[in-house]
């Protein structure tokens, strides 16, 4: 039965990151198709089934007032959050539903235009606010951050005043300095989206290294004699480490008789002792830059969604190929070099290279769909699904299950 409601909407997503650079929430964009109305109760039941409650906040971003009105009437207390655009509060009927939902204990998120605070009479209705800043506010925030840095954080009241509001959510922060100021100094609740290009610009003259914590987790997993499947999954959470591992497994230093085309094959061939020794060799150069964590996590989530899209009727070995296709589709961001040159250093199946470099082959539709979902642009998502004959219910199901597993 859930197929019908998932087939009647287009979904996309946007992670929200906290001060520890962990995902603390996900904004799930939901837009009904033009063909008809959506049963709000059925949608809520399906979301609960496929994307059960977790420690992270689950925020529904509904693109039509009619569906939001229905969700306000039926969403249980303390479950999904509902995002409410300020512009829609001019509708007296919807505003009344907002008040009733708040009285029932539904968590509501106010969202307004850049630089616009919620009206004073509305503030008590909302659990949190989602804000964006104007260029003028961005400049003021950067000046406050710079002055704070110069003064060592000891300046008196009024010496530096930031327009960033503590406890709020922010979207559209376009620089590392703004994100760090918001999360680390102004104690905002979370940042929606991540300035990936600007974060990586700081590494233009130096090499990014695998995450130290993930290396430690792998070593501890080996010491605890975890299963091969568990090690493979852990390795997959670090795209750069997976790439380097495959390069190492195929290096002349090991002189293996066969090419290693997957992480699992490499783990089986090298064994736990040799893997542990190699991981310890990576440790002195490992990275502790927390700002890279959202970038890694986004790449891995893309790969997990691809894996789910390919789930029906595909062999395990091919599913692993699909996952590699996902995590290596952006490995150039972490390597700082040409993507084609990076992929040609590995004995990857032609299907993987064709999808990433040529947007062709059997894996290309899943890669394009998973990439589109990240944008949250429902028109783009619909166009991609239509172009590749991907059914909306299958794509939405893969997205929800991937978000649940990642949480």
Protein backbone atom coordinates (compact mmCIF):
# COMPACT_ATOMS: atom_id res chain seq x y z
CA UNK A 1 0.00 0.00 0.00
CA UNK A 2 2.91 2.37 0.72
CA UNK A 3 3.86 2.27 -2.95
CA UNK A 4 0.87 4.45 -3.84
CA UNK A 5 1.71 7.33 -1.51
CA UNK A 6 5.46 7.24 -2.25
CA UNK A 7 4.63 7.20 -5.93
CA UNK A 8 2.60 10.38 -5.61
CA UNK A 9 5.38 12.64 -4.26
CA UNK A 10 8.89 13.72 -5.17
CA UNK A 11 11.43 13.74 -2.35
CA UNK A 12 14.87 15.24 -1.84
CA UNK A 13 16.99 15.88 1.23
CA UNK A 14 19.45 18.21 2.94
CA UNK A 15 21.53 17.26 6.01
CA UNK A 16 21.87 19.58 9.00
CA UNK A 17 25.24 19.55 10.83
CA UNK A 18 25.93 20.39 14.47
CA UNK A 19 28.98 21.74 16.29
CA UNK A 20 30.57 18.27 16.30
CA UNK A 21 30.13 18.15 12.50
CA UNK A 22 27.72 15.27 12.90
CA UNK A 23 24.33 15.05 11.21
CA UNK A 24 21.81 16.24 13.79
CA UNK A 25 18.84 16.56 11.45
CA UNK A 26 17.68 15.97 7.89
CA UNK A 27 15.35 18.24 5.96
CA UNK A 28 13.22 15.95 3.79
CA UNK A 29 11.70 17.87 0.90
CA UNK A 30 8.27 16.54 -0.12
CA UNK A 31 6.37 17.84 -3.14
CA UNK A 32 3.15 16.23 -4.38
CA UNK A 33 2.86 15.38 -8.05
CA UNK A 34 0.44 17.47 -10.02
CA UNK A 35 -1.87 14.52 -10.62
CA UNK A 36 -3.72 14.71 -7.30
CA UNK A 37 -3.82 15.09 -3.55
CA UNK A 38 -1.69 13.15 -1.07
CA UNK A 39 -3.15 11.27 1.89
CA UNK A 40 -1.31 12.89 4.80
CA UNK A 41 -2.06 10.07 7.25
CA UNK A 42 -0.86 7.46 4.78
CA UNK A 43 2.30 9.48 4.15
CA UNK A 44 3.01 9.78 7.88
CA UNK A 45 2.49 6.04 8.37
CA UNK A 46 4.88 5.24 5.51
CA UNK A 47 7.52 7.66 6.79
CA UNK A 48 7.29 6.11 10.24
CA UNK A 49 7.68 2.64 8.74
CA UNK A 50 10.66 3.35 6.47
CA UNK A 51 12.33 6.21 8.38
CA UNK A 52 11.64 5.47 12.05
CA UNK A 53 12.42 7.99 14.76
CA UNK A 54 16.08 8.33 15.72
CA UNK A 55 18.32 10.68 17.67
CA UNK A 56 18.42 13.09 14.74
CA UNK A 57 15.57 15.45 14.00
CA UNK A 58 13.43 14.60 10.97
CA UNK A 59 12.16 17.79 9.36
CA UNK A 60 9.49 17.69 6.66
CA UNK A 61 9.78 20.50 4.12
CA UNK A 62 6.44 20.43 2.32
CA UNK A 63 6.15 22.41 -0.90
CA UNK A 64 2.37 22.92 -0.95
CA UNK A 65 0.19 24.64 1.68
CA UNK A 66 -2.57 22.04 1.24
CA UNK A 67 -0.36 19.11 2.24
CA UNK A 68 1.22 21.09 5.07
CA UNK A 69 -2.27 21.88 6.40
CA UNK A 70 -3.18 18.19 6.41
CA UNK A 71 0.09 17.26 8.09
CA UNK A 72 -0.45 19.90 10.76
CA UNK A 73 -3.77 18.22 11.56
CA UNK A 74 -2.44 14.65 11.73
CA UNK A 75 1.24 14.64 12.75
CA UNK A 76 1.67 13.05 16.21
CA UNK A 77 3.34 14.99 18.99
CA UNK A 78 7.11 14.68 19.39
CA UNK A 79 7.62 12.86 16.08
CA UNK A 80 8.46 14.53 12.77
CA UNK A 81 9.15 18.24 12.70
CA UNK A 82 7.16 20.37 10.27
CA UNK A 83 8.80 23.35 8.58
CA UNK A 84 6.46 26.33 8.19
CA UNK A 85 7.35 29.14 5.75
CA UNK A 86 6.64 32.56 7.23
CA UNK A 87 4.95 33.67 4.00
CA UNK A 88 2.25 31.02 4.43
CA UNK A 89 1.28 32.28 7.89
CA UNK A 90 -0.69 35.03 6.20
CA UNK A 91 -3.35 32.38 5.55
CA UNK A 92 -5.55 32.54 8.65
CA UNK A 93 -6.72 28.92 8.31
CA UNK A 94 -3.17 27.57 8.06
CA UNK A 95 -2.02 29.80 10.92
CA UNK A 96 -4.84 28.37 13.05
CA UNK A 97 -3.71 24.83 12.24
CA UNK A 98 -0.17 25.82 13.24
CA UNK A 99 -1.42 26.93 16.66
CA UNK A 100 -3.43 23.76 17.19
CA UNK A 101 -0.50 21.57 16.14
CA UNK A 102 1.79 23.41 18.55
CA UNK A 103 -0.70 22.91 21.37
CA UNK A 104 -0.69 19.14 20.63
CA UNK A 105 3.10 19.07 20.99
CA UNK A 106 4.08 18.96 17.30
CA UNK A 107 7.56 20.40 16.78
CA UNK A 108 7.40 23.27 14.31
CA UNK A 109 10.28 24.97 12.52
CA UNK A 110 9.80 28.56 11.33
CA UNK A 111 11.54 29.59 8.13
CA UNK A 112 11.72 33.14 6.82
CA UNK A 113 13.48 35.29 4.25
CA UNK A 114 17.14 36.30 4.61
CA UNK A 115 17.65 38.69 7.50
CA UNK A 116 14.02 38.42 8.59
CA UNK A 117 13.28 37.38 12.21
CA UNK A 118 9.92 35.84 13.17
CA UNK A 119 7.29 38.26 14.41
CA UNK A 120 7.25 38.55 18.20
CA UNK A 121 3.75 37.10 18.49
CA UNK A 122 4.80 33.97 16.57
CA UNK A 123 7.96 33.04 18.46
CA UNK A 124 6.19 30.97 21.09
CA UNK A 125 4.69 28.72 18.41
CA UNK A 126 7.96 27.35 17.09
CA UNK A 127 10.44 24.88 18.51
CA UNK A 128 13.26 26.32 16.40
CA UNK A 129 13.80 28.87 13.66
CA UNK A 130 15.60 28.35 10.34
CA UNK A 131 17.29 31.54 9.26
CA UNK A 132 19.53 32.82 6.49
CA UNK A 133 21.59 35.98 6.42
CA UNK A 134 21.91 38.92 4.08
CA UNK A 135 25.31 39.94 2.63
CA UNK A 136 25.34 42.81 5.15
CA UNK A 137 24.77 40.38 8.05
CA UNK A 138 27.44 38.05 6.68
CA UNK A 139 29.95 40.90 6.72
CA UNK A 140 28.95 41.86 10.27
CA UNK A 141 29.32 38.24 11.42
CA UNK A 142 32.77 37.97 9.83
CA UNK A 143 33.85 41.21 11.47
CA UNK A 144 32.61 39.94 14.84
CA UNK A 145 34.46 36.66 14.35
CA UNK A 146 37.66 38.47 13.38
CA UNK A 147 37.48 40.82 16.35
CA UNK A 148 36.78 37.92 18.68
CA UNK A 149 39.83 36.13 17.31
CA UNK A 150 42.04 39.18 17.83
CA UNK A 151 40.72 39.76 21.36
CA UNK A 152 40.93 36.11 22.35
CA UNK A 153 37.22 36.06 23.13
CA UNK A 154 37.68 38.37 26.12
CA UNK A 155 36.24 41.62 24.77
CA UNK A 156 33.58 43.32 26.84
CA UNK A 157 29.88 43.70 26.02
CA UNK A 158 29.21 45.60 22.82
CA UNK A 159 32.77 45.28 21.54
CA UNK A 160 31.71 42.67 18.97
CA UNK A 161 28.09 41.87 18.21
CA UNK A 162 27.18 39.10 15.82
CA UNK A 163 23.84 38.93 13.96
CA UNK A 164 23.97 35.12 14.23
CA UNK A 165 21.30 34.04 16.75
CA UNK A 166 22.28 31.28 19.22
CA UNK A 167 20.10 28.18 19.21
CA UNK A 168 18.73 28.76 15.69
CA UNK A 169 19.33 26.76 12.51
CA UNK A 170 21.04 28.49 9.59
CA UNK A 171 21.12 27.76 5.88
CA UNK A 172 23.19 29.22 3.08
CA UNK A 173 26.34 29.96 5.10
CA UNK A 174 28.78 30.13 2.23
CA UNK A 175 32.18 30.16 3.91
CA UNK A 176 34.22 28.21 6.43
CA UNK A 177 34.63 31.31 8.58
CA UNK A 178 30.86 31.85 8.80
CA UNK A 179 30.15 28.19 9.57
CA UNK A 180 32.82 28.06 12.28
CA UNK A 181 31.61 31.34 13.76
CA UNK A 182 28.01 30.08 13.85
CA UNK A 183 28.71 26.60 15.22
CA UNK A 184 31.74 27.18 17.44
CA UNK A 185 31.15 30.69 18.82
CA UNK A 186 27.47 31.55 18.48
CA UNK A 187 26.20 28.08 19.51
CA UNK A 188 23.64 27.74 16.74
CA UNK A 189 21.73 24.45 16.80
CA UNK A 190 22.75 23.40 13.31
CA UNK A 191 23.79 24.42 9.82
CA UNK A 192 21.76 23.20 6.83
CA UNK A 193 24.03 22.34 3.93
CA UNK A 194 27.81 22.64 3.91
CA UNK A 195 30.21 24.95 1.98
CA UNK A 196 32.15 22.03 0.51
CA UNK A 197 34.03 23.93 -2.20
CA UNK A 198 35.15 26.63 0.22
CA UNK A 199 36.22 24.06 2.83
CA UNK A 200 38.28 22.17 0.25
CA UNK A 201 39.87 25.36 -1.06
CA UNK A 202 41.99 25.43 2.09
CA UNK A 203 43.54 22.13 0.97
CA UNK A 204 44.59 23.33 -2.47
CA UNK A 205 48.27 23.21 -1.48
CA UNK A 206 48.19 20.17 0.80
CA UNK A 207 46.93 16.63 0.68
CA UNK A 208 43.81 15.54 2.53
CA UNK A 209 44.39 12.49 4.73
CA UNK A 210 41.97 9.80 5.96
CA UNK A 211 40.11 10.56 9.20
CA UNK A 212 41.99 9.56 12.32
CA UNK A 213 38.88 8.40 14.18
CA UNK A 214 37.83 6.10 11.35
CA UNK A 215 41.31 4.59 11.27
CA UNK A 216 41.16 3.99 15.01
CA UNK A 217 37.70 2.46 14.70
CA UNK A 218 38.98 0.05 12.06
CA UNK A 219 41.96 -0.98 14.18
CA UNK A 220 39.72 -1.56 17.19
CA UNK A 221 37.32 -3.56 15.00
CA UNK A 222 40.18 -5.80 13.87
CA UNK A 223 41.33 -6.26 17.48
CA UNK A 224 37.75 -7.19 18.40
CA UNK A 225 37.72 -9.74 15.55
CA UNK A 226 34.71 -8.18 13.86
CA UNK A 227 33.31 -9.89 10.78
CA UNK A 228 34.55 -9.26 7.27
CA UNK A 229 31.22 -7.61 6.46
CA UNK A 230 31.60 -5.19 9.39
CA UNK A 231 35.13 -4.23 8.33
CA UNK A 232 34.00 -3.72 4.76
CA UNK A 233 31.20 -1.43 5.95
CA UNK A 234 33.57 0.58 8.16
CA UNK A 235 36.07 0.95 5.34
CA UNK A 236 33.26 2.21 3.12
CA UNK A 237 32.64 5.10 5.51
CA UNK A 238 35.98 6.66 4.47
CA UNK A 239 36.08 7.19 0.68
CA UNK A 240 39.71 8.31 0.65
CA UNK A 241 40.83 5.32 2.72
CA UNK A 242 38.90 2.93 0.44
CA UNK A 243 40.65 4.44 -2.58
CA UNK A 244 44.09 4.18 -0.98
CA UNK A 245 43.40 0.64 0.18
CA UNK A 246 42.61 -0.50 -3.35
CA UNK A 247 45.74 1.21 -4.62
CA UNK A 248 47.79 -0.52 -1.93
CA UNK A 249 46.21 -3.91 -2.62
CA UNK A 250 47.16 -3.54 -6.29
CA UNK A 251 50.63 -2.11 -5.69
CA UNK A 252 53.84 -3.68 -6.91
CA UNK A 253 54.97 -3.94 -3.28
CA UNK A 254 52.46 -6.74 -2.64
CA UNK A 255 53.02 -8.50 -5.97
CA UNK A 256 49.64 -10.20 -5.85
CA UNK A 257 48.83 -12.52 -8.74
CA UNK A 258 45.35 -11.14 -9.36
CA UNK A 259 43.95 -7.63 -9.57
CA UNK A 260 41.89 -6.48 -6.57
CA UNK A 261 38.72 -4.80 -7.80
CA UNK A 262 36.76 -4.43 -4.55
CA UNK A 263 37.36 -3.65 -0.89
CA UNK A 264 35.98 -7.04 0.13
CA UNK A 265 38.32 -8.89 -2.21
CA UNK A 266 41.22 -6.89 -0.82
CA UNK A 267 40.26 -7.67 2.78
CA UNK A 268 39.99 -11.38 2.01
CA UNK A 269 43.32 -11.42 0.18
CA UNK A 270 45.39 -9.39 2.63
CA UNK A 271 43.96 -10.72 5.89
CA UNK A 272 43.51 -8.96 9.22
CA UNK A 273 47.18 -8.80 10.28
CA UNK A 274 48.43 -7.15 7.11
CA UNK A 275 45.44 -4.80 7.05
CA UNK A 276 46.11 -3.74 10.64
CA UNK A 277 49.77 -3.07 9.89
CA UNK A 278 48.83 -0.95 6.87
CA UNK A 279 46.29 1.03 8.89
CA UNK A 280 48.90 1.77 11.56
CA UNK A 281 51.18 3.12 8.82
CA UNK A 282 48.47 5.63 7.89
CA UNK A 283 47.99 6.80 11.48
CA UNK A 284 50.84 9.37 11.81
CA UNK A 285 49.48 11.37 8.87
CA UNK A 286 45.77 10.97 9.63
CA UNK A 287 43.46 13.99 9.67
CA UNK A 288 41.58 15.37 12.66
CA UNK A 289 39.90 18.17 10.70
CA UNK A 290 36.25 17.90 11.71
CA UNK A 291 35.19 20.18 8.85
CA UNK A 292 35.89 17.33 6.42
CA UNK A 293 33.43 15.00 8.13
CA UNK A 294 30.26 16.40 6.49
CA UNK A 295 31.96 16.11 3.08
CA UNK A 296 32.87 12.46 3.67
CA UNK A 297 29.44 11.67 5.08
CA UNK A 298 27.67 13.22 2.08
CA UNK A 299 29.74 11.15 -0.35
CA UNK A 300 29.02 7.96 1.60
CA UNK A 301 25.29 8.69 1.79
CA UNK A 302 25.20 9.12 -1.99
CA UNK A 303 26.79 5.68 -2.34
CA UNK A 304 24.38 4.10 0.17
CA UNK A 305 21.41 5.51 -1.74
CA UNK A 306 22.80 4.08 -4.98
CA UNK A 307 23.22 0.74 -3.25
CA UNK A 308 19.55 0.80 -2.21
CA UNK A 309 18.41 1.83 -5.68
CA UNK A 310 20.24 -1.20 -7.08
CA UNK A 311 18.99 -3.51 -4.34
CA UNK A 312 16.22 -5.34 -6.17
CA UNK A 313 17.46 -8.53 -7.79
CA UNK A 314 21.14 -7.61 -8.00
CA UNK A 315 23.99 -9.85 -6.85
CA UNK A 316 26.10 -8.91 -3.84
CA UNK A 317 29.22 -8.46 -5.95
CA UNK A 318 27.46 -6.07 -8.31
CA UNK A 319 25.98 -4.19 -5.36
CA UNK A 320 29.51 -3.63 -4.09
CA UNK A 321 30.42 -2.26 -7.50
CA UNK A 322 27.51 0.16 -7.31
CA UNK A 323 28.66 1.32 -3.88
CA UNK A 324 32.23 1.87 -5.16
CA UNK A 325 30.75 3.84 -8.04
CA UNK A 326 29.07 6.12 -5.49
CA UNK A 327 32.01 6.76 -3.17
CA UNK A 328 34.49 7.20 -6.02
CA UNK A 329 32.21 9.53 -8.00
CA UNK A 330 33.57 12.46 -5.97
CA UNK A 331 36.93 11.10 -4.84
CA UNK A 332 38.63 13.84 -6.85
CA UNK A 333 37.39 16.33 -4.24
CA UNK A 334 39.42 14.54 -1.57
CA UNK A 335 42.41 13.74 -3.77
CA UNK A 336 42.64 17.20 -5.29
CA UNK A 337 43.32 15.83 -8.76
CA UNK A 338 41.62 14.91 -12.02
CA UNK A 339 38.89 12.33 -11.54
CA UNK A 340 39.72 10.40 -14.70
CA UNK A 341 43.38 10.06 -13.77
CA UNK A 342 42.47 8.95 -10.25
CA UNK A 343 40.07 6.23 -11.45
CA UNK A 344 42.45 4.90 -14.10
CA UNK A 345 44.93 4.02 -11.34
CA UNK A 346 42.52 1.34 -10.09
CA UNK A 347 41.40 -1.87 -11.82
CA UNK A 348 37.75 -0.86 -11.60
CA UNK A 349 35.09 -2.56 -13.72
CA UNK A 350 34.23 -0.67 -16.89
CA UNK A 351 30.68 -0.17 -15.62
CA UNK A 352 31.97 1.98 -12.75
CA UNK A 353 34.22 4.20 -14.86
CA UNK A 354 31.54 4.56 -17.55
CA UNK A 355 28.97 5.80 -15.04
CA UNK A 356 31.30 8.27 -13.33
CA UNK A 357 33.21 9.62 -16.32
CA UNK A 358 30.80 9.13 -19.19
CA UNK A 359 27.37 9.11 -17.51
CA UNK A 360 26.67 5.90 -19.42
CA UNK A 361 26.18 2.23 -18.64
CA UNK A 362 23.91 0.38 -16.20
CA UNK A 363 24.98 2.33 -13.09
CA UNK A 364 24.62 5.82 -14.58
CA UNK A 365 20.87 6.19 -13.81
CA UNK A 366 21.39 5.36 -10.13
CA UNK A 367 24.34 7.76 -9.87
CA UNK A 368 22.42 10.59 -11.53
CA UNK A 369 19.36 9.97 -9.36
CA UNK A 370 21.35 9.85 -6.11
CA UNK A 371 23.13 13.07 -7.10
CA UNK A 372 19.83 14.78 -7.90
CA UNK A 373 18.34 13.84 -4.53
CA UNK A 374 21.12 15.81 -2.80
CA UNK A 375 20.01 19.01 -4.51
CA UNK A 376 16.51 18.95 -3.03
CA UNK A 377 15.38 20.40 -6.38
CA UNK A 378 12.19 18.48 -7.02
CA UNK A 379 11.96 19.46 -10.70
CA UNK A 380 15.48 18.15 -11.37
CA UNK A 381 14.72 14.96 -9.44
CA UNK A 382 11.53 14.35 -11.41
CA UNK A 383 13.28 15.01 -14.72
CA UNK A 384 16.10 12.58 -13.90
CA UNK A 385 13.69 9.85 -12.80
CA UNK A 386 11.60 10.35 -15.93
CA UNK A 387 14.66 10.29 -18.20
CA UNK A 388 15.82 6.95 -16.76
CA UNK A 389 12.38 5.44 -16.20
CA UNK A 390 12.94 5.26 -12.44
CA UNK A 391 9.73 4.93 -10.43
CA UNK A 392 9.14 7.58 -7.76
CA UNK A 393 8.13 5.05 -5.12
CA UNK A 394 11.35 3.05 -5.62
CA UNK A 395 13.55 6.15 -5.47
CA UNK A 396 11.77 7.51 -2.38
CA UNK A 397 11.93 4.15 -0.65
CA UNK A 398 15.68 3.91 -1.30
CA UNK A 399 16.18 7.44 0.06
CA UNK A 400 14.19 6.86 3.25
CA UNK A 401 15.86 3.54 4.03
CA UNK A 402 19.30 5.04 3.42
CA UNK A 403 18.55 7.97 5.74
CA UNK A 404 17.31 5.53 8.40
CA UNK A 405 20.42 3.35 8.12
CA UNK A 406 22.77 6.35 8.20
CA UNK A 407 21.09 7.69 11.33
